[in-house]
Amino acid sequence: MDGNLTRKIDGWLGLVICAVLFVHSRLRARLGSRRQPSMYATTPPERCRAPFVPARVLCIKTYGLGNIAMILPVLGALRRNFPGVEIDFLTLEENEKLLEHSGLVERVIPLTMSNPLRVAGSLLRGLAAVRRGRYDLVLDFEQFIKLSTIFAYLSGARERIGFNTDGQRRGWLFTTRVVYNDADHMSRTFMRLLQPLGVDTRKLPVAFEHPAEATARVDDLLQCGGVEKTDFPLVAVHVGSGPNYYRVPLKRWPTEYFARLCDELVARHGARIVFTGKGEDEASLVRETLAQMQRAASVINACDALSIVDLLVLLDRCNLTVSNDTSIVHLAAAIHTPVVAFFGPTNPEQYGPGNAHDLVIYKDLYCGPCLTNYNLKVSYCADPICIRSISVEEVLAKIEARYLDAQGEQAAAAKHPDADPRRRLEVLEGSVS
């Protein structure tokens, strides 16, 4: 379903529904139900409030596999602070496997937005599942979408915590309204939703246990492509940027630049390249990139060949991930594989990979960032010079300076067949001056 259309429907119809439900909440309060804060009130901490210990929690975040990856540490903190808590997650069906693989949720309630004919049925089934859940706490991780606010209210949960984003008029139905901060990294912003609970909000890494069958599939893929375990560097490259909702793809580094960068990495450093992606749009971009390469024989095309679990295994095997600003940046960061990420219309201080060994390439022009959660990530830019002005030469120089030192110490460490992946990362990070 067209993303711009869904945002318009959510923005206008969602606003009307939120207003009606707010009136409903105020009427219920007069009949003895819990008092709902006034429409524009803040909800400062209640100093005399008794500690709230949730038993059943519903988390909501529809769009964005990368956002889900950044939310996983929040789920870990929730479990750490409330042992025995049951966590369900309402999200789009394409995010289901990552949540299940994390082991942090009991159940995923999937929604579909892919087919307009299926949307209504999916929403009704999702709402019925939410009502059956009898949750006592809802954490709404959406930044501007009003649909999640509606689901949170209709869940009947005693506590509903979510972002009161400026200009979006979506916080009316929350019992506790958290100010959305567009200046902080999203991983920390997501963690802010736990602060009203008065708990430890330290961000700890999420441990993924890779199934043996997924590891075997990735091993077969690499072996069929002629990649040995001692080959260095093994580089995952993602030329897509998720669905494009604009006149031109604002977040995509040109495919001819990717082709030249991959050729140089192969020629100078003997790199083995694995292209990742999903769907016909990204498959087309991979084919376009391969057609422009001189050394395509050193490339494995894994587009549409990997499940989300397989992709995590592959990223864990790789020495480096090179990608546009999209979900794979956060997946690689979650398992601490070094990331080289190209940012243009989005602020990398908010959406960058976030680890010390990562490399973000961003021009920081006066016209950006033009995609924010305050404007529903809508831009009318027709010439994304922010992303197109990043040259192959500067990217290659920065990659070589940070990850591929001339003395080969990193290569020796990474080529050792028994090298621990975490030790590999320490070597890479330790070489940076």
Protein backbone atom coordinates (compact mmCIF):
# COMPACT_ATOMS: atom_id res chain seq x y z
CA MET A 1 0.00 0.00 0.00
CA ASP A 2 1.34 3.44 -0.95
CA GLY A 3 3.23 4.91 2.01
CA ASN A 4 2.32 8.53 1.30
CA LEU A 5 -1.37 7.59 1.08
CA THR A 6 -1.30 5.72 4.39
CA ARG A 7 0.37 8.68 6.08
CA LYS A 8 -2.34 11.02 4.79
CA ILE A 9 -5.10 8.67 5.94
CA ASP A 10 -3.45 8.26 9.32
CA GLY A 11 -2.86 12.00 9.64
CA TRP A 12 -6.43 13.12 8.96
CA LEU A 13 -8.70 10.17 9.75
CA GLY A 14 -6.48 9.26 12.69
CA LEU A 15 -6.82 12.78 14.05
CA VAL A 16 -10.63 12.58 13.95
CA ILE A 17 -10.66 9.17 15.63
CA CYS A 18 -8.24 10.35 18.34
CA ALA A 19 -10.46 13.35 19.05
CA VAL A 20 -13.57 11.18 19.33
CA LEU A 21 -11.83 8.72 21.65
CA PHE A 22 -10.51 11.59 23.79
CA VAL A 23 -14.07 12.84 24.30
CA HIS A 24 -15.02 9.24 25.14
CA SER A 25 -12.25 9.06 27.74
CA ARG A 26 -13.39 12.29 29.40
CA LEU A 27 -16.98 11.07 29.57
CA ARG A 28 -15.86 7.78 31.12
CA ALA A 29 -13.86 9.71 33.71
CA ARG A 30 -17.05 11.47 34.80
CA LEU A 31 -18.64 8.07 35.30
CA GLY A 32 -15.85 6.93 37.60
CA SER A 33 -13.11 5.62 35.29
CA ARG A 34 -9.52 6.78 35.59
CA ARG A 35 -9.09 10.47 34.85
CA GLN A 36 -7.55 11.22 31.46
CA PRO A 37 -5.10 14.19 31.34
CA SER A 38 -6.51 17.22 29.56
CA MET A 39 -5.83 17.49 25.85
CA TYR A 40 -2.66 19.59 25.97
CA ALA A 41 -1.50 18.84 29.51
CA THR A 42 1.93 17.48 30.27
CA THR A 43 2.19 14.55 32.65
CA PRO A 44 4.96 15.36 35.18
CA PRO A 45 6.13 12.63 37.54
CA GLU A 46 3.79 11.80 40.42
CA ARG A 47 6.03 11.97 43.48
CA CYS A 48 3.71 9.99 45.72
CA ARG A 49 2.80 7.43 43.11
CA ALA A 50 3.13 3.79 44.16
CA PRO A 51 5.56 1.72 42.05
CA PHE A 52 3.80 0.16 39.07
CA VAL A 53 4.81 -3.42 38.30
CA PRO A 54 3.39 -4.53 34.94
CA ALA A 55 2.48 -8.16 34.34
CA ARG A 56 1.40 -8.02 30.68
CA VAL A 57 2.86 -5.44 28.32
CA LEU A 58 1.93 -4.58 24.75
CA CYS A 59 4.62 -2.80 22.71
CA ILE A 60 3.70 -1.10 19.44
CA LYS A 61 5.91 -0.10 16.50
CA THR A 62 4.59 -0.70 13.02
CA TYR A 63 7.05 0.55 10.41
CA GLY A 64 10.81 0.11 10.32
CA LEU A 65 12.87 -3.03 10.77
CA GLY A 66 15.78 -0.79 11.81
CA ASN A 67 13.58 0.81 14.46
CA ILE A 68 12.73 -2.65 15.80
CA ALA A 69 16.45 -3.42 16.08
CA MET A 70 16.93 -0.25 18.14
CA ILE A 71 13.95 -1.14 20.36
CA LEU A 72 15.29 -4.59 21.31
CA PRO A 73 17.53 -3.20 24.13
CA VAL A 74 14.42 -1.52 25.57
CA LEU A 75 12.67 -4.89 25.67
CA GLY A 76 15.75 -6.33 27.35
CA ALA A 77 15.67 -3.59 29.98
CA LEU A 78 11.96 -4.23 30.53
CA ARG A 79 12.64 -7.91 31.21
CA ARG A 80 15.64 -7.08 33.40
CA ASN A 81 13.58 -4.76 35.61
CA PHE A 82 10.42 -6.87 35.71
CA PRO A 83 11.31 -10.58 35.82
CA GLY A 84 8.43 -12.70 34.64
CA VAL A 85 6.75 -9.93 32.65
CA GLU A 86 4.96 -11.07 29.48
CA ILE A 87 5.68 -8.91 26.42
CA ASP A 88 3.66 -8.94 23.20
CA PHE A 89 4.46 -6.80 20.19
CA LEU A 90 2.12 -5.27 17.59
CA THR A 91 3.98 -4.61 14.34
CA LEU A 92 4.02 -5.17 10.58
CA GLU A 93 4.41 -8.77 9.50
CA GLU A 94 7.85 -8.16 7.94
CA ASN A 95 9.26 -7.41 11.43
CA GLU A 96 7.91 -10.59 13.01
CA LYS A 97 10.94 -12.85 12.49
CA LEU A 98 13.43 -10.44 14.04
CA LEU A 99 11.33 -10.09 17.19
CA GLU A 100 10.88 -13.85 17.46
CA HIS A 101 14.59 -14.42 16.92
CA SER A 102 15.45 -11.99 19.72
CA GLY A 103 13.70 -14.19 22.29
CA LEU A 104 12.42 -11.07 24.07
CA VAL A 105 8.71 -11.36 23.28
CA GLU A 106 6.08 -14.00 23.94
CA ARG A 107 3.94 -13.21 20.92
CA VAL A 108 3.95 -11.00 17.85
CA ILE A 109 0.65 -9.59 16.57
CA PRO A 110 1.30 -9.01 12.86
CA LEU A 111 -0.36 -6.39 10.68
CA THR A 112 -0.23 -6.16 6.90
CA MET A 113 -0.14 -2.99 4.83
CA SER A 114 1.00 -4.62 1.60
CA ASN A 115 -2.42 -5.12 0.04
CA PRO A 116 -5.24 -2.54 0.40
CA LEU A 117 -7.82 -5.33 0.29
CA ARG A 118 -6.24 -7.04 3.29
CA VAL A 119 -5.59 -3.95 5.43
CA ALA A 120 -9.06 -3.65 6.99
CA GLY A 121 -9.19 -7.33 7.93
CA SER A 122 -5.67 -7.18 9.33
CA LEU A 123 -6.53 -4.17 11.51
CA LEU A 124 -9.68 -5.80 12.85
CA ARG A 125 -7.86 -9.04 13.68
CA GLY A 126 -5.06 -7.06 15.32
CA LEU A 127 -7.51 -5.06 17.41
CA ALA A 128 -9.31 -8.24 18.51
CA ALA A 129 -5.97 -9.77 19.56
CA VAL A 130 -5.07 -6.62 21.49
CA ARG A 131 -8.39 -6.63 23.31
CA ARG A 132 -7.96 -10.31 24.24
CA GLY A 133 -4.50 -9.59 25.64
CA ARG A 134 -5.83 -7.77 28.72
CA TYR A 135 -2.64 -5.74 29.03
CA ASP A 136 -1.96 -3.51 32.00
CA LEU A 137 0.73 -1.48 30.19
CA VAL A 138 1.14 -0.29 26.59
CA LEU A 139 4.41 1.18 25.33
CA ASP A 140 3.86 3.00 22.05
CA PHE A 141 7.17 3.51 20.22
CA GLU A 142 5.68 5.32 17.23
CA GLN A 143 6.90 8.87 16.71
CA PHE A 144 4.11 10.31 14.57
CA ILE A 145 1.63 7.62 13.52
CA LYS A 146 -1.79 7.96 15.16
CA LEU A 147 -2.95 4.39 14.47
CA SER A 148 -0.80 3.09 17.30
CA THR A 149 -2.30 5.65 19.71
CA ILE A 150 -5.76 4.36 18.82
CA PHE A 151 -4.73 0.74 19.37
CA ALA A 152 -3.17 1.69 22.72
CA TYR A 153 -6.38 3.32 23.93
CA LEU A 154 -8.66 0.55 22.70
CA SER A 155 -6.49 -2.07 24.43
CA GLY A 156 -8.07 -0.99 27.72
CA ALA A 157 -4.67 -0.97 29.46
CA ARG A 158 -4.45 0.88 32.75
CA GLU A 159 -1.16 2.58 31.77
CA ARG A 160 -0.45 3.87 28.27
CA ILE A 161 2.94 5.49 27.69
CA GLY A 162 3.88 7.07 24.38
CA PHE A 163 5.52 9.99 22.60
CA ASN A 164 3.82 13.37 22.57
CA THR A 165 5.58 14.55 19.38
CA ASP A 166 5.34 18.28 18.72
CA GLY A 167 2.88 19.15 15.95
CA GLN A 168 1.53 15.60 15.56
CA ARG A 169 -1.40 15.74 18.03
CA ARG A 170 -1.04 12.08 18.93
CA GLY A 171 -0.52 12.17 22.69
CA TRP A 172 -4.09 12.88 23.77
CA LEU A 173 -4.92 9.25 24.58
CA PHE A 174 -1.86 8.40 26.66
CA THR A 175 -2.01 8.31 30.45
CA THR A 176 1.67 9.30 30.50
CA ARG A 177 3.05 11.52 27.75
CA VAL A 178 6.77 11.41 27.03
CA VAL A 179 8.26 14.36 25.19
CA TYR A 180 9.77 13.24 21.89
CA ASN A 181 13.35 14.49 21.52
CA ASP A 182 14.51 14.78 17.91
CA ALA A 183 18.04 15.73 18.96
CA ASP A 184 19.00 12.44 20.62
CA HIS A 185 19.78 9.04 19.12
CA MET A 186 16.62 7.02 18.57
CA SER A 187 17.88 4.12 20.68
CA ARG A 188 18.04 6.46 23.70
CA THR A 189 14.78 8.14 22.75
CA PHE A 190 13.03 4.76 22.68
CA MET A 191 14.52 3.98 26.10
CA ARG A 192 12.91 7.18 27.48
CA LEU A 193 9.55 5.38 27.46
CA LEU A 194 10.72 3.34 30.44
CA GLN A 195 11.65 6.37 32.55
CA PRO A 196 8.09 6.93 33.90
CA LEU A 197 8.32 3.43 35.37
CA GLY A 198 11.30 4.52 37.49
CA VAL A 199 13.54 1.67 36.38
CA ASP A 200 17.13 1.06 35.29
CA THR A 201 17.34 2.22 31.66
CA ARG A 202 20.91 1.19 30.84
CA LYS A 203 21.28 -0.03 27.27
CA LEU A 204 22.82 -3.50 27.21
CA PRO A 205 23.64 -5.51 24.06
CA VAL A 206 21.11 -8.03 22.79
CA ALA A 207 22.53 -11.52 22.38
CA PHE A 208 21.37 -13.42 19.28
CA GLU A 209 21.67 -17.19 19.28
CA HIS A 210 21.99 -18.22 15.65
CA PRO A 211 20.25 -21.51 14.74
CA ALA A 212 22.50 -24.19 13.28
CA GLU A 213 20.38 -24.44 10.14
CA ALA A 214 20.75 -20.70 9.44
CA THR A 215 24.51 -20.93 9.92
CA ALA A 216 24.62 -23.88 7.52
CA ARG A 217 22.64 -21.97 4.88
CA VAL A 218 25.01 -19.01 5.05
CA ASP A 219 28.05 -21.30 4.93
CA ASP A 220 26.65 -22.96 1.79
CA LEU A 221 25.95 -19.56 0.20
CA LEU A 222 29.49 -18.37 0.80
CA GLN A 223 31.11 -21.64 -0.23
CA CYS A 224 29.14 -21.72 -3.48
CA GLY A 225 30.43 -18.21 -4.14
CA GLY A 226 34.01 -19.34 -3.58
CA VAL A 227 34.48 -17.57 -0.24
CA GLU A 228 36.82 -19.25 2.22
CA LYS A 229 36.70 -18.69 5.97
CA THR A 230 40.14 -17.07 5.78
CA ASP A 231 39.17 -14.55 3.08
CA PHE A 232 39.52 -10.94 4.23
CA PRO A 233 37.79 -8.59 4.04
CA LEU A 234 34.32 -10.02 3.58
CA VAL A 235 32.04 -7.05 2.95
CA ALA A 236 28.24 -6.94 2.97
CA VAL A 237 26.97 -4.22 0.63
CA HIS A 238 23.39 -2.92 0.59
CA VAL A 239 22.57 -0.64 -2.35
CA GLY A 240 18.86 -0.24 -1.55
CA SER A 241 17.22 2.01 1.01
CA GLY A 242 13.80 0.47 1.62
CA PRO A 243 10.64 1.70 -0.16
CA ASN A 244 10.99 5.01 -1.97
CA TYR A 245 8.09 7.40 -1.34
CA TYR A 246 9.52 10.39 -3.20
CA ARG A 247 10.01 11.70 -6.74
CA VAL A 248 13.64 10.65 -6.53
CA PRO A 249 15.29 8.20 -4.09
CA LEU A 250 16.56 10.64 -1.48
CA LYS A 251 18.49 8.14 0.66
CA ARG A 252 20.29 6.16 -2.06
CA TRP A 253 23.96 6.59 -2.90
CA PRO A 254 24.16 6.14 -6.72
CA THR A 255 24.65 2.57 -7.94
CA GLU A 256 27.58 3.61 -10.13
CA TYR A 257 29.34 4.84 -6.97
CA PHE A 258 28.71 1.52 -5.23
CA ALA A 259 30.08 -0.28 -8.32
CA ARG A 260 33.30 1.77 -8.33
CA LEU A 261 33.77 1.37 -4.56
CA CYS A 262 33.35 -2.40 -4.74
CA ASP A 263 35.75 -2.63 -7.69
CA GLU A 264 38.39 -0.69 -5.76
CA LEU A 265 37.97 -2.81 -2.61
CA VAL A 266 38.42 -5.96 -4.68
CA ALA A 267 41.38 -4.62 -6.65
CA ARG A 268 43.26 -3.04 -3.72
CA HIS A 269 42.42 -5.40 -0.87
CA GLY A 270 41.13 -8.65 -2.39
CA ALA A 271 37.72 -8.04 -0.85
CA ARG A 272 34.87 -10.48 -1.30
CA ILE A 273 31.54 -8.71 -1.70
CA VAL A 274 28.06 -9.95 -0.78
CA PHE A 275 25.12 -7.88 -2.02
CA THR A 276 22.05 -8.01 0.20
CA GLY A 277 18.49 -6.86 -0.41
CA LYS A 278 14.87 -7.87 -0.64
CA GLY A 279 12.16 -7.36 -3.25
CA GLU A 280 12.17 -6.55 -6.93
CA ASP A 281 13.16 -2.91 -6.43
CA GLU A 282 16.35 -3.80 -4.56
CA ALA A 283 17.03 -6.77 -6.84
CA SER A 284 16.95 -4.35 -9.77
CA LEU A 285 19.41 -2.04 -8.01
CA VAL A 286 21.78 -4.97 -7.40
CA ARG A 287 21.62 -6.00 -11.06
CA GLU A 288 22.27 -2.40 -12.08
CA THR A 289 25.31 -2.22 -9.79
CA LEU A 290 26.72 -5.52 -11.03
CA ALA A 291 26.35 -4.40 -14.64
CA GLN A 292 28.57 -1.40 -13.90
CA MET A 293 31.32 -3.36 -12.14
CA GLN A 294 34.58 -4.50 -13.70
CA ARG A 295 35.19 -7.20 -11.08
CA ALA A 296 31.72 -8.66 -10.62
CA ALA A 297 33.21 -12.17 -10.45
CA SER A 298 34.19 -11.42 -6.84
CA VAL A 299 30.59 -10.66 -5.87
CA ILE A 300 27.88 -12.92 -4.42
CA ASN A 301 24.35 -11.76 -5.15
CA ALA A 302 22.37 -12.74 -2.04
CA CYS A 303 19.37 -10.51 -2.77
CA ASP A 304 16.16 -12.37 -1.85
CA ALA A 305 18.26 -15.39 -0.81
CA LEU A 306 18.27 -14.75 2.94
CA SER A 307 15.72 -14.78 5.73
CA ILE A 308 16.14 -12.19 8.47
CA VAL A 309 17.87 -14.81 10.64
CA ASP A 310 20.17 -15.79 7.76
CA LEU A 311 20.98 -12.11 7.22
CA LEU A 312 22.04 -11.71 10.86
CA VAL A 313 24.31 -14.74 10.53
CA LEU A 314 25.83 -13.32 7.35
CA LEU A 315 26.41 -9.90 8.92
CA ASP A 316 28.08 -11.60 11.88
CA ARG A 317 30.42 -13.38 9.44
CA CYS A 318 31.30 -10.18 7.58
CA ASN A 319 34.19 -7.90 8.51
CA LEU A 320 32.36 -4.81 7.30
CA THR A 321 28.92 -3.65 6.16
CA VAL A 322 28.54 -0.80 3.64
CA SER A 323 25.01 0.53 3.28
CA ASN A 324 22.65 3.37 2.66
CA ASP A 325 20.61 4.67 5.60
CA THR A 326 18.24 1.74 6.08
CA SER A 327 17.51 -1.21 8.36
CA ILE A 328 20.66 -3.22 7.64
CA VAL A 329 22.69 -0.45 9.29
CA HIS A 330 20.96 -1.14 12.61
CA LEU A 331 20.98 -4.92 12.19
CA ALA A 332 24.75 -4.90 11.68
CA ALA A 333 25.20 -2.47 14.56
CA ALA A 334 23.12 -4.69 16.84
CA ILE A 335 25.60 -7.54 16.39
CA HIS A 336 28.58 -5.15 16.41
CA THR A 337 29.76 -5.70 12.85
CA PRO A 338 31.44 -2.43 11.76
CA VAL A 339 29.22 -0.29 9.53
CA VAL A 340 29.98 2.29 6.87
CA ALA A 341 26.71 4.19 6.42
CA PHE A 342 25.78 6.89 3.91
CA PHE A 343 23.44 9.56 5.26
CA GLY A 344 21.78 12.36 3.33
CA PRO A 345 18.30 13.70 4.23
CA THR A 346 18.24 12.05 7.69
CA ASN A 347 20.23 13.11 10.75
CA PRO A 348 22.88 10.44 11.55
CA GLU A 349 23.17 11.72 15.13
CA GLN A 350 19.61 10.47 15.50
CA TYR A 351 19.60 7.42 13.20
CA GLY A 352 23.26 6.46 12.81
CA PRO A 353 24.57 2.98 13.70
CA GLY A 354 25.82 4.25 17.06
CA ASN A 355 28.91 2.14 17.82
CA ALA A 356 32.38 3.66 18.28
CA HIS A 357 33.92 1.59 15.47
CA ASP A 358 31.27 2.58 12.89
CA LEU A 359 31.85 5.13 10.14
CA VAL A 360 29.10 7.56 9.15
CA ILE A 361 29.55 9.65 6.01
CA TYR A 362 27.37 12.75 5.99
CA LYS A 363 27.70 16.18 4.37
CA ASP A 364 25.59 18.12 6.90
CA LEU A 365 24.33 20.68 4.38
CA TYR A 366 22.29 23.72 5.41
CA CYS A 367 19.17 22.28 3.70
CA GLY A 368 19.07 19.18 5.87
CA PRO A 369 18.01 17.09 7.50
CA CYS A 370 14.76 17.32 5.55
CA LEU A 371 13.26 14.01 6.74
CA THR A 372 12.23 14.21 10.39
CA ASN A 373 9.55 12.81 12.66
CA TYR A 374 8.16 16.32 13.01
CA ASN A 375 7.26 16.46 9.30
CA LEU A 376 6.16 12.81 9.04
CA LYS A 377 9.37 12.15 7.07
CA VAL A 378 7.94 13.90 4.02
CA SER A 379 10.29 15.83 1.75
CA TYR A 380 9.77 17.50 -1.61
CA CYS A 381 13.45 17.65 -2.52
CA ALA A 382 14.08 16.86 -6.21
CA ASP A 383 17.89 17.01 -6.12
CA PRO A 384 19.38 15.13 -3.13
CA ILE A 385 22.85 16.61 -3.44
CA CYS A 386 23.45 15.64 0.20
CA ILE A 387 23.80 11.97 -0.74
CA ARG A 388 25.03 12.36 -4.31
CA SER A 389 27.92 14.64 -3.37
CA ILE A 390 29.61 11.90 -1.33
CA SER A 391 32.48 10.80 -3.56
CA VAL A 392 33.86 7.31 -4.02
CA GLU A 393 37.38 8.58 -3.35
CA GLU A 394 36.59 9.99 0.08
CA VAL A 395 34.65 6.87 1.09
CA LEU A 396 37.49 4.59 0.01
CA ALA A 397 40.07 6.71 1.84
CA LYS A 398 38.07 6.63 5.06
CA ILE A 399 37.46 2.88 4.85
CA GLU A 400 41.15 2.22 4.29
CA ALA A 401 42.20 4.55 7.10
CA ARG A 402 39.86 3.00 9.64
CA TYR A 403 39.59 -0.68 8.70
CA LEU A 404 42.36 -1.66 6.26
CA ASP A 405 45.71 -0.47 7.56
CA ALA A 406 48.71 -0.83 5.28
CA GLN A 407 50.66 -3.03 7.69
CA GLY A 408 48.10 -5.82 7.45
CA GLU A 409 47.76 -6.41 11.19
CA GLN A 410 43.99 -6.41 10.98
CA ALA A 411 44.01 -8.81 8.05
CA ALA A 412 46.23 -11.25 9.93
CA ALA A 413 43.91 -11.22 12.93
CA ALA A 414 40.77 -11.62 10.87
CA LYS A 415 42.20 -14.40 8.68
CA HIS A 416 42.92 -16.63 11.65
CA PRO A 417 40.31 -19.43 11.36
CA ASP A 418 39.72 -19.48 15.12
CA ALA A 419 39.52 -15.70 15.52
CA ASP A 420 36.69 -14.68 17.80
CA PRO A 421 34.39 -12.16 16.07
CA ARG A 422 34.43 -9.90 19.12
CA ARG A 423 38.26 -9.97 19.17
CA ARG A 424 38.18 -9.07 15.48
CA LEU A 425 36.17 -6.00 16.39
CA GLU A 426 38.60 -5.01 19.11
CA VAL A 427 41.44 -5.20 16.60
CA LEU A 428 39.54 -3.07 14.12
CA GLU A 429 38.56 -0.51 16.70
CA GLY A 430 41.97 -0.45 18.31
CA SER A 431 43.62 0.59 15.08
CA VAL A 432 41.74 3.86 14.90
CA SER A 433 43.78 6.82 16.09
